[in-house]
């Protein structure tokens, strides 16, 4: 009997020990689970604060890039004003100098723009807070060190350094950002890409609504010819270099426009008569004669070369480069055999480069404006010549001649009236780089 009681007591004790053991294990698992949940919550807060800090990096990147783009016009205006003042003072115009000048201006404009949008300015630091929608306890704060915004001439970059703090329910994460703005597309020298190009005359404009058969025709004479089924082209648009190897006869009431090189005649080729014609080309070469260019306009961005004689009646030539006549005779007249020449305007030639003529004759009432030197084998001159360079006849410099006016001694208003934009200074073009890079450091 006593033995049975002892066995019952042991069994009860075993059950109780088992229950206690399971309770201890249960409590341990519950504690571990609570600890894991707590750790996950901390990690989640940390992850959210890092995400907010990363959002601050993106925000600042976009703001600086926008400033860089909108300030380019301001910098252009300031650089142009500086160049105009230097020209007026007779100082040399050096593109490399203005590249560095433009880069320094852009650095200052970016700093100025960031100061204007900052919430707090303290010493060399700018502070900007960005609210988080729907979460009043969360925030993004950007700190910008103004002293770090520097133009590095070695790398041709504007460098910026800043920090972004993201706060989420008391947890703060800080990231450091380093930005680099490459201010040159070409990567040559220092500063942005600065070039000076002569202003265009903009006399002959590109045609619109050009008929398909008049766009890049393979034969100029065929395009101009009328048939029983179609009218000849009155507007011809060339979108590539073209060389037409035949004569062009009786060219009338036609516009030929090319932003490329235009060649008339592969080895020889004349324009035997052109009346009320407009021609524009990036550069032009006529292999042989241009006879009777009447009441017409010719404009080029660059050189114009005539392989033989050139005769002009009541017409205007606007040459952005050099003008060369390689034949025996150049004639600039205010008369002709067009039948209505008395109604024409005076013949004028405007050349931004050098002029080379054989035997040259200019009639009374005609005007020539030449920015470079002018060379002629012989010169019978009755018109007006305004020249910035030197005049040479048969290889000898002619320091003075009747109706030859040096631009330096001519009233600017009169020069503008007579010569239009021929002597205008080159236009400033600034090309900026587009690469804005970020390097983020996770602290």
Protein backbone atom coordinates (compact mmCIF):
# COMPACT_ATOMS: atom_id res chain seq x y z
CA UNK A 1 0.00 0.00 0.00
CA UNK A 2 2.80 2.33 0.96
CA UNK A 3 4.55 1.41 -2.30
CA UNK A 4 1.54 2.43 -4.38
CA UNK A 5 1.39 5.86 -2.65
CA UNK A 6 5.03 6.45 -3.39
CA UNK A 7 4.55 5.60 -7.05
CA UNK A 8 1.54 7.99 -7.25
CA UNK A 9 3.62 10.77 -5.70
CA UNK A 10 6.42 10.27 -8.21
CA UNK A 11 3.96 10.38 -11.10
CA UNK A 12 2.42 13.61 -9.83
CA UNK A 13 5.87 15.13 -9.41
CA UNK A 14 6.84 14.09 -12.96
CA UNK A 15 3.71 15.72 -14.38
CA UNK A 16 4.35 18.91 -12.47
CA UNK A 17 7.98 19.02 -13.59
CA UNK A 18 6.86 18.47 -17.17
CA UNK A 19 4.34 21.33 -16.91
CA UNK A 20 6.96 23.65 -15.41
CA UNK A 21 9.44 22.73 -18.15
CA UNK A 22 6.91 23.46 -20.89
CA UNK A 23 6.00 26.77 -19.22
CA UNK A 24 9.68 27.75 -19.12
CA UNK A 25 10.08 26.85 -22.79
CA UNK A 26 6.90 28.74 -23.67
CA UNK A 27 8.06 31.83 -21.82
CA UNK A 28 11.46 31.60 -23.53
CA UNK A 29 9.83 31.38 -26.98
CA UNK A 30 7.52 34.29 -26.17
CA UNK A 31 10.47 36.40 -25.02
CA UNK A 32 12.41 35.56 -28.15
CA UNK A 33 9.43 36.41 -30.30
CA UNK A 34 8.95 39.75 -28.52
CA UNK A 35 12.65 40.53 -28.90
CA UNK A 36 12.55 39.67 -32.61
CA UNK A 37 9.48 41.87 -33.13
CA UNK A 38 11.24 44.69 -31.31
CA UNK A 39 14.36 44.25 -33.42
CA UNK A 40 12.27 44.16 -36.60
CA UNK A 41 10.57 47.37 -35.53
CA UNK A 42 13.96 49.05 -34.96
CA UNK A 43 15.24 47.79 -38.31
CA UNK A 44 12.05 48.99 -40.01
CA UNK A 45 12.47 52.44 -38.47
CA UNK A 46 16.10 52.50 -39.54
CA UNK A 47 15.14 51.42 -43.06
CA UNK A 48 12.47 54.11 -43.25
CA UNK A 49 14.86 56.82 -42.08
CA UNK A 50 17.46 55.73 -44.66
CA UNK A 51 14.78 55.87 -47.35
CA UNK A 52 13.90 59.40 -46.27
CA UNK A 53 17.56 60.41 -46.37
CA UNK A 54 17.85 58.91 -49.88
CA UNK A 55 14.78 60.90 -50.91
CA UNK A 56 16.60 64.02 -49.70
CA UNK A 57 19.57 63.13 -51.91
CA UNK A 58 17.28 62.81 -54.95
CA UNK A 59 15.51 66.06 -54.11
CA UNK A 60 18.75 67.99 -53.81
CA UNK A 61 20.14 66.44 -57.02
CA UNK A 62 17.05 67.58 -58.92
CA UNK A 63 17.17 71.08 -57.40
CA UNK A 64 20.84 71.63 -58.27
CA UNK A 65 20.37 70.25 -61.79
CA UNK A 66 17.41 72.58 -62.32
CA UNK A 67 19.41 75.55 -61.05
CA UNK A 68 22.29 74.63 -63.36
CA UNK A 69 19.97 74.59 -66.36
CA UNK A 70 17.97 77.76 -65.66
CA UNK A 71 21.07 79.79 -64.74
CA UNK A 72 22.71 79.16 -68.11
CA UNK A 73 20.79 82.06 -69.67
CA UNK A 74 21.87 84.39 -66.84
CA UNK A 75 25.50 83.38 -67.25
CA UNK A 76 25.26 83.86 -71.03
CA UNK A 77 23.95 87.41 -70.57
CA UNK A 78 26.72 88.25 -68.08
CA UNK A 79 29.48 86.81 -70.29
CA UNK A 80 28.14 88.64 -73.35
CA UNK A 81 28.03 91.93 -71.39
CA UNK A 82 31.64 91.37 -70.32
CA UNK A 83 32.73 90.65 -73.91
CA UNK A 84 30.90 93.74 -75.22
CA UNK A 85 32.59 95.90 -72.57
CA UNK A 86 35.99 94.41 -73.40
CA UNK A 87 35.46 95.02 -77.12
CA UNK A 88 34.47 98.62 -76.46
CA UNK A 89 37.60 99.10 -74.36
CA UNK A 90 39.80 97.54 -77.03
CA UNK A 91 40.79 94.58 -74.87
CA UNK A 92 41.64 91.25 -76.57
CA UNK A 93 38.87 88.68 -76.84
CA UNK A 94 40.22 85.34 -75.62
CA UNK A 95 37.78 82.41 -75.59
CA UNK A 96 39.77 80.53 -72.94
CA UNK A 97 39.51 83.47 -70.54
CA UNK A 98 35.74 83.63 -70.95
CA UNK A 99 35.41 79.88 -70.40
CA UNK A 100 36.87 80.22 -66.90
CA UNK A 101 34.87 83.41 -66.37
CA UNK A 102 31.64 81.57 -67.28
CA UNK A 103 32.49 78.63 -65.01
CA UNK A 104 33.09 80.92 -62.03
CA UNK A 105 29.83 82.75 -62.75
CA UNK A 106 27.92 79.46 -62.83
CA UNK A 107 29.43 78.46 -59.48
CA UNK A 108 28.25 81.77 -57.96
CA UNK A 109 24.80 81.50 -59.53
CA UNK A 110 24.27 78.01 -58.09
CA UNK A 111 25.28 79.22 -54.61
CA UNK A 112 22.97 82.23 -54.97
CA UNK A 113 20.08 80.02 -56.07
CA UNK A 114 20.55 77.62 -53.15
CA UNK A 115 20.68 80.55 -50.72
CA UNK A 116 17.37 81.83 -52.07
CA UNK A 117 15.61 78.51 -51.40
CA UNK A 118 17.27 77.69 -48.05
CA UNK A 119 15.17 77.81 -44.87
CA UNK A 120 18.09 78.75 -42.60
CA UNK A 121 21.48 80.33 -43.36
CA UNK A 122 24.12 79.91 -40.69
CA UNK A 123 27.73 80.73 -41.45
CA UNK A 124 28.84 78.67 -44.42
CA UNK A 125 25.93 76.25 -44.06
CA UNK A 126 22.52 76.30 -45.67
CA UNK A 127 19.67 74.27 -44.19
CA UNK A 128 16.55 73.12 -45.94
CA UNK A 129 13.74 71.03 -44.42
CA UNK A 130 11.45 68.94 -46.55
CA UNK A 131 8.13 67.85 -44.97
CA UNK A 132 6.93 64.28 -45.38
CA UNK A 133 3.29 64.18 -46.48
CA UNK A 134 0.95 62.67 -43.90
CA UNK A 135 3.72 62.02 -41.35
CA UNK A 136 4.25 65.08 -39.14
CA UNK A 137 6.82 63.26 -36.99
CA UNK A 138 8.98 62.35 -39.99
CA UNK A 139 11.30 64.80 -41.75
CA UNK A 140 14.11 65.30 -44.24
CA UNK A 141 16.80 67.89 -43.58
CA UNK A 142 19.51 68.85 -46.06
CA UNK A 143 22.66 70.68 -45.01
CA UNK A 144 24.75 72.31 -47.69
CA UNK A 145 28.30 73.46 -47.11
CA UNK A 146 28.73 76.55 -49.32
CA UNK A 147 32.51 76.28 -49.08
CA UNK A 148 32.33 72.88 -50.77
CA UNK A 149 30.76 74.35 -53.94
CA UNK A 150 33.84 74.89 -56.06
CA UNK A 151 34.79 74.90 -59.72
CA UNK A 152 37.63 72.44 -60.31
CA UNK A 153 39.53 73.51 -63.43
CA UNK A 154 41.50 70.24 -63.49
CA UNK A 155 38.42 68.07 -63.91
CA UNK A 156 36.28 70.84 -65.49
CA UNK A 157 33.55 70.19 -62.94
CA UNK A 158 31.59 72.14 -60.37
CA UNK A 159 31.74 70.07 -57.17
CA UNK A 160 29.20 70.15 -54.35
CA UNK A 161 29.02 68.38 -50.97
CA UNK A 162 25.99 68.06 -48.69
CA UNK A 163 24.33 65.84 -46.08
CA UNK A 164 20.79 64.52 -45.98
CA UNK A 165 19.17 63.43 -42.69
CA UNK A 166 16.07 61.31 -42.65
CA UNK A 167 14.07 61.06 -39.39
CA UNK A 168 11.32 58.51 -38.77
CA UNK A 169 9.75 58.44 -35.28
CA UNK A 170 13.00 59.48 -33.63
CA UNK A 171 15.33 57.28 -35.66
CA UNK A 172 17.81 59.37 -37.72
CA UNK A 173 19.91 58.27 -40.67
CA UNK A 174 22.50 60.52 -42.29
CA UNK A 175 23.85 60.24 -45.83
CA UNK A 176 26.60 62.29 -47.45
CA UNK A 177 26.28 63.25 -51.10
CA UNK A 178 28.99 64.43 -53.47
CA UNK A 179 27.80 65.94 -56.75
CA UNK A 180 29.86 66.72 -59.84
CA UNK A 181 28.58 68.85 -62.73
CA UNK A 182 30.62 68.38 -65.89
CA UNK A 183 30.23 71.78 -67.50
CA UNK A 184 31.71 70.87 -70.91
CA UNK A 185 30.38 68.46 -73.53
CA UNK A 186 33.66 68.44 -75.42
CA UNK A 187 35.89 68.05 -72.39
CA UNK A 188 38.53 70.35 -73.90
CA UNK A 189 40.38 73.02 -71.92
CA UNK A 190 38.54 74.61 -69.02
CA UNK A 191 35.03 75.93 -68.62
CA UNK A 192 32.05 75.38 -70.93
CA UNK A 193 32.34 75.20 -74.71
CA UNK A 194 32.61 78.77 -75.99
CA UNK A 195 32.67 79.64 -79.67
CA UNK A 196 32.30 82.85 -81.64
CA UNK A 197 30.44 82.61 -84.95
CA UNK A 198 29.70 85.39 -87.42
CA UNK A 199 26.05 86.45 -87.29
CA UNK A 200 24.06 85.17 -90.22
CA UNK A 201 22.68 87.62 -92.75
CA UNK A 202 19.31 85.78 -92.74
CA UNK A 203 18.26 87.21 -96.08
CA UNK A 204 17.22 84.04 -97.93
CA UNK A 205 14.94 81.86 -95.81
CA UNK A 206 14.30 78.13 -96.03
CA UNK A 207 11.17 77.26 -98.02
CA UNK A 208 8.26 75.26 -96.63
CA UNK A 209 5.76 72.95 -98.34
CA UNK A 210 8.28 71.93 -100.97
CA UNK A 211 6.87 69.52 -103.56
CA UNK A 212 8.37 66.00 -103.32
CA UNK A 213 9.96 66.17 -106.78
CA UNK A 214 11.65 69.44 -105.75
CA UNK A 215 13.30 67.92 -102.68
CA UNK A 216 16.89 66.74 -103.31
CA UNK A 217 16.45 66.35 -107.10
CA UNK A 218 19.17 64.42 -108.90
CA UNK A 219 19.05 66.83 -111.86
CA UNK A 220 18.68 70.57 -111.39
CA UNK A 221 17.73 71.22 -115.02
CA UNK A 222 15.08 68.48 -114.95
CA UNK A 223 13.60 69.82 -111.72
CA UNK A 224 13.38 73.33 -113.17
CA UNK A 225 11.87 72.23 -116.48
CA UNK A 226 8.11 72.30 -117.06
CA UNK A 227 6.42 69.48 -118.96
CA UNK A 228 2.92 68.77 -120.17
CA UNK A 229 2.18 66.98 -116.90
CA UNK A 230 3.91 69.14 -114.31
CA UNK A 231 5.15 72.64 -113.68
CA UNK A 232 8.83 73.21 -113.03
CA UNK A 233 10.02 73.64 -109.46
CA UNK A 234 9.99 77.21 -108.14
CA UNK A 235 11.31 76.08 -104.73
CA UNK A 236 14.13 73.55 -104.46
CA UNK A 237 15.35 72.27 -101.10
CA UNK A 238 18.64 70.37 -100.87
CA UNK A 239 19.32 68.44 -97.66
CA UNK A 240 22.74 67.09 -98.62
CA UNK A 241 25.84 68.10 -100.56
CA UNK A 242 24.89 68.38 -104.23
CA UNK A 243 26.93 68.73 -107.43
CA UNK A 244 24.94 69.41 -110.61
CA UNK A 245 27.08 68.90 -113.70
CA UNK A 246 25.29 70.88 -116.40
CA UNK A 247 24.60 74.47 -117.40
CA UNK A 248 21.61 76.26 -115.89
CA UNK A 249 19.94 78.44 -118.51
CA UNK A 250 17.25 81.10 -118.02
CA UNK A 251 16.81 80.56 -114.30
CA UNK A 252 13.87 82.76 -113.27
CA UNK A 253 11.60 83.26 -110.24
CA UNK A 254 13.19 80.40 -108.34
CA UNK A 255 14.42 79.73 -104.82
CA UNK A 256 17.25 77.20 -104.31
CA UNK A 257 18.07 76.50 -100.68
CA UNK A 258 20.76 74.23 -99.23
CA UNK A 259 22.31 74.01 -95.76
CA UNK A 260 25.12 72.04 -97.40
CA UNK A 261 27.68 72.53 -100.14
CA UNK A 262 26.21 73.33 -103.55
CA UNK A 263 28.25 72.86 -106.73
CA UNK A 264 27.09 73.88 -110.20
CA UNK A 265 29.07 71.94 -112.83
CA UNK A 266 31.21 68.90 -112.11
CA UNK A 267 34.14 70.25 -114.16
CA UNK A 268 32.44 73.13 -115.97
CA UNK A 269 29.01 74.65 -115.83
CA UNK A 270 27.48 78.07 -116.28
CA UNK A 271 24.53 79.94 -114.89
CA UNK A 272 23.86 81.78 -118.12
CA UNK A 273 21.02 83.93 -116.89
CA UNK A 274 19.36 84.25 -113.50
CA UNK A 275 16.61 86.80 -112.87
CA UNK A 276 14.57 87.24 -109.69
CA UNK A 277 16.33 84.27 -108.16
CA UNK A 278 17.23 83.55 -104.54
CA UNK A 279 20.02 81.11 -103.72
CA UNK A 280 21.23 80.05 -100.28
CA UNK A 281 23.99 77.53 -99.59
CA UNK A 282 26.35 76.75 -96.77
CA UNK A 283 29.06 77.08 -99.42
CA UNK A 284 28.79 77.55 -103.16
CA UNK A 285 31.01 76.75 -106.13
CA UNK A 286 30.09 77.54 -109.73
CA UNK A 287 32.65 75.90 -112.00
CA UNK A 288 32.40 78.43 -114.82
CA UNK A 289 30.58 81.69 -115.62
CA UNK A 290 27.68 83.42 -113.95
CA UNK A 291 26.38 85.72 -116.66
CA UNK A 292 23.66 88.26 -116.01
CA UNK A 293 22.76 87.71 -112.37
CA UNK A 294 19.81 90.12 -112.40
CA UNK A 295 17.64 91.40 -109.53
CA UNK A 296 18.58 88.36 -107.49
CA UNK A 297 20.01 87.47 -104.08
CA UNK A 298 22.77 85.04 -103.18
CA UNK A 299 23.67 84.16 -99.60
CA UNK A 300 26.25 81.75 -98.14
CA UNK A 301 27.37 80.92 -94.63
CA UNK A 302 30.88 80.25 -95.88
CA UNK A 303 32.87 80.61 -99.13
CA UNK A 304 31.57 81.36 -102.61
CA UNK A 305 33.83 80.44 -105.56
CA UNK A 306 33.18 81.30 -109.20
CA UNK A 307 35.45 79.45 -111.63
CA UNK A 308 35.21 82.04 -114.39
CA UNK A 309 33.55 85.41 -114.96
CA UNK A 310 30.90 86.95 -112.70
CA UNK A 311 28.54 89.71 -113.85
CA UNK A 312 25.98 91.20 -111.48
CA UNK A 313 23.09 93.56 -112.27
CA UNK A 314 20.88 95.08 -109.56
CA UNK A 315 21.57 92.12 -107.26
CA UNK A 316 22.83 91.44 -103.74
CA UNK A 317 25.49 88.99 -102.59
CA UNK A 318 25.83 88.10 -98.89
CA UNK A 319 28.96 86.00 -98.39
CA UNK A 320 29.75 84.68 -94.91
CA UNK A 321 33.26 83.53 -95.88
CA UNK A 322 35.59 84.37 -98.76
CA UNK A 323 34.54 85.45 -102.25
CA UNK A 324 36.73 84.30 -105.15
CA UNK A 325 36.30 84.98 -108.88
CA UNK A 326 38.87 82.95 -110.81
CA UNK A 327 38.19 84.01 -114.40
CA UNK A 328 39.05 87.13 -116.37
CA UNK A 329 36.37 89.59 -115.35
CA UNK A 330 34.24 90.65 -112.40
CA UNK A 331 31.57 93.26 -113.11
CA UNK A 332 29.27 94.92 -110.58
CA UNK A 333 26.68 96.98 -112.44
CA UNK A 334 23.39 98.81 -112.02
CA UNK A 335 22.29 98.09 -115.58
CA UNK A 336 21.63 95.05 -117.68
CA UNK A 337 19.66 93.44 -120.47
CA UNK A 338 16.77 92.24 -118.33
CA UNK A 339 14.34 94.62 -120.00
CA UNK A 340 13.32 96.23 -116.68
CA UNK A 341 16.69 96.91 -115.13
CA UNK A 342 15.80 100.54 -114.44
CA UNK A 343 13.45 99.40 -111.69
CA UNK A 344 16.15 97.44 -109.85
CA UNK A 345 17.89 98.41 -106.62
CA UNK A 346 21.60 99.16 -106.51
CA UNK A 347 23.93 96.17 -106.63
CA UNK A 348 25.60 95.39 -103.31
CA UNK A 349 28.14 92.81 -102.12
CA UNK A 350 28.74 92.04 -98.44
CA UNK A 351 31.69 89.78 -97.62
CA UNK A 352 32.86 88.74 -94.15
CA UNK A 353 36.09 87.20 -95.43
CA UNK A 354 38.65 87.99 -98.12
CA UNK A 355 37.84 88.97 -101.71
CA UNK A 356 39.89 87.90 -104.75
CA UNK A 357 39.03 89.32 -108.17
CA UNK A 358 40.68 89.32 -111.59
CA UNK A 359 39.97 92.46 -113.61
CA UNK A 360 37.26 94.18 -111.56
CA UNK A 361 34.82 96.92 -112.55
CA UNK A 362 32.30 98.51 -110.19
CA UNK A 363 29.69 100.98 -111.45
CA UNK A 364 28.51 104.18 -109.80
CA UNK A 365 25.89 103.58 -107.12
CA UNK A 366 27.12 100.09 -106.28
CA UNK A 367 28.33 99.23 -102.79
CA UNK A 368 30.87 96.67 -101.60
CA UNK A 369 31.55 95.92 -97.91
CA UNK A 370 34.56 93.71 -97.16
CA UNK A 371 35.68 92.66 -93.71
CA UNK A 372 38.95 91.05 -94.83
CA UNK A 373 41.46 92.08 -97.49
CA UNK A 374 40.52 92.66 -101.12
CA UNK A 375 42.81 91.62 -104.00
CA UNK A 376 42.27 92.59 -107.65
CA UNK A 377 44.56 92.31 -110.65
CA UNK A 378 43.10 95.58 -111.99
CA UNK A 379 40.39 97.78 -110.51
CA UNK A 380 38.10 100.28 -112.24
CA UNK A 381 36.18 101.59 -109.29
CA UNK A 382 33.23 104.00 -109.48
CA UNK A 383 31.09 102.63 -106.65
CA UNK A 384 31.63 102.72 -102.88
CA UNK A 385 33.94 100.30 -101.07
CA UNK A 386 33.92 99.96 -97.27
CA UNK A 387 36.78 97.77 -96.11
CA UNK A 388 38.18 96.74 -92.73
CA UNK A 389 41.23 94.98 -94.18
CA UNK A 390 43.65 96.16 -96.85
CA UNK A 391 43.17 96.82 -100.56
CA UNK A 392 45.69 95.31 -102.98
CA UNK A 393 45.78 95.97 -106.74
CA UNK A 394 48.20 93.90 -108.83
CA UNK A 395 49.89 92.80 -105.60
CA UNK A 396 50.51 96.33 -104.28
CA UNK A 397 48.73 97.77 -101.28
CA UNK A 398 46.64 100.84 -102.09
CA UNK A 399 46.43 102.89 -98.89
CA UNK A 400 43.87 105.34 -100.26
CA UNK A 401 41.59 105.59 -103.29
CA UNK A 402 38.57 107.64 -104.24
CA UNK A 403 35.36 106.18 -102.77
CA UNK A 404 37.27 103.62 -100.70
CA UNK A 405 36.41 104.01 -97.01
CA UNK A 406 38.22 102.35 -94.13
CA UNK A 407 35.82 101.14 -91.47
CA UNK A 408 37.97 102.56 -88.68
CA UNK A 409 37.48 106.06 -90.14
CA UNK A 410 33.78 105.71 -90.97
CA UNK A 411 30.90 106.80 -88.78
CA UNK A 412 29.36 103.63 -87.26
CA UNK A 413 25.83 104.72 -88.13
CA UNK A 414 26.78 105.26 -91.75
CA UNK A 415 28.62 101.93 -91.81
CA UNK A 416 25.54 100.17 -90.48
CA UNK A 417 23.34 101.91 -93.06
CA UNK A 418 25.60 101.01 -95.97
CA UNK A 419 26.78 97.54 -94.94
CA UNK A 420 24.12 96.09 -92.66
CA UNK A 421 25.48 93.25 -90.51
CA UNK A 422 28.73 92.78 -92.47
CA UNK A 423 30.93 94.19 -89.73
CA UNK A 424 28.88 93.04 -86.73
CA UNK A 425 31.04 91.20 -84.17
CA UNK A 426 30.80 87.40 -83.95
CA UNK A 427 27.96 86.02 -81.88
CA UNK A 428 28.71 84.23 -78.63
CA UNK A 429 27.66 80.59 -78.25
CA UNK A 430 28.04 78.71 -74.95
CA UNK A 431 27.63 74.94 -74.85
CA UNK A 432 27.17 73.40 -71.42
CA UNK A 433 27.72 69.79 -70.39
CA UNK A 434 24.73 67.71 -69.35
CA UNK A 435 26.30 65.12 -67.04
CA UNK A 436 25.40 65.67 -63.35
CA UNK A 437 26.59 62.75 -61.21
CA UNK A 438 26.02 61.73 -57.58
CA UNK A 439 28.19 59.73 -55.17
CA UNK A 440 26.34 58.76 -51.97
CA UNK A 441 28.15 57.73 -48.75
CA UNK A 442 26.12 55.77 -46.18
CA UNK A 443 27.39 56.89 -42.77
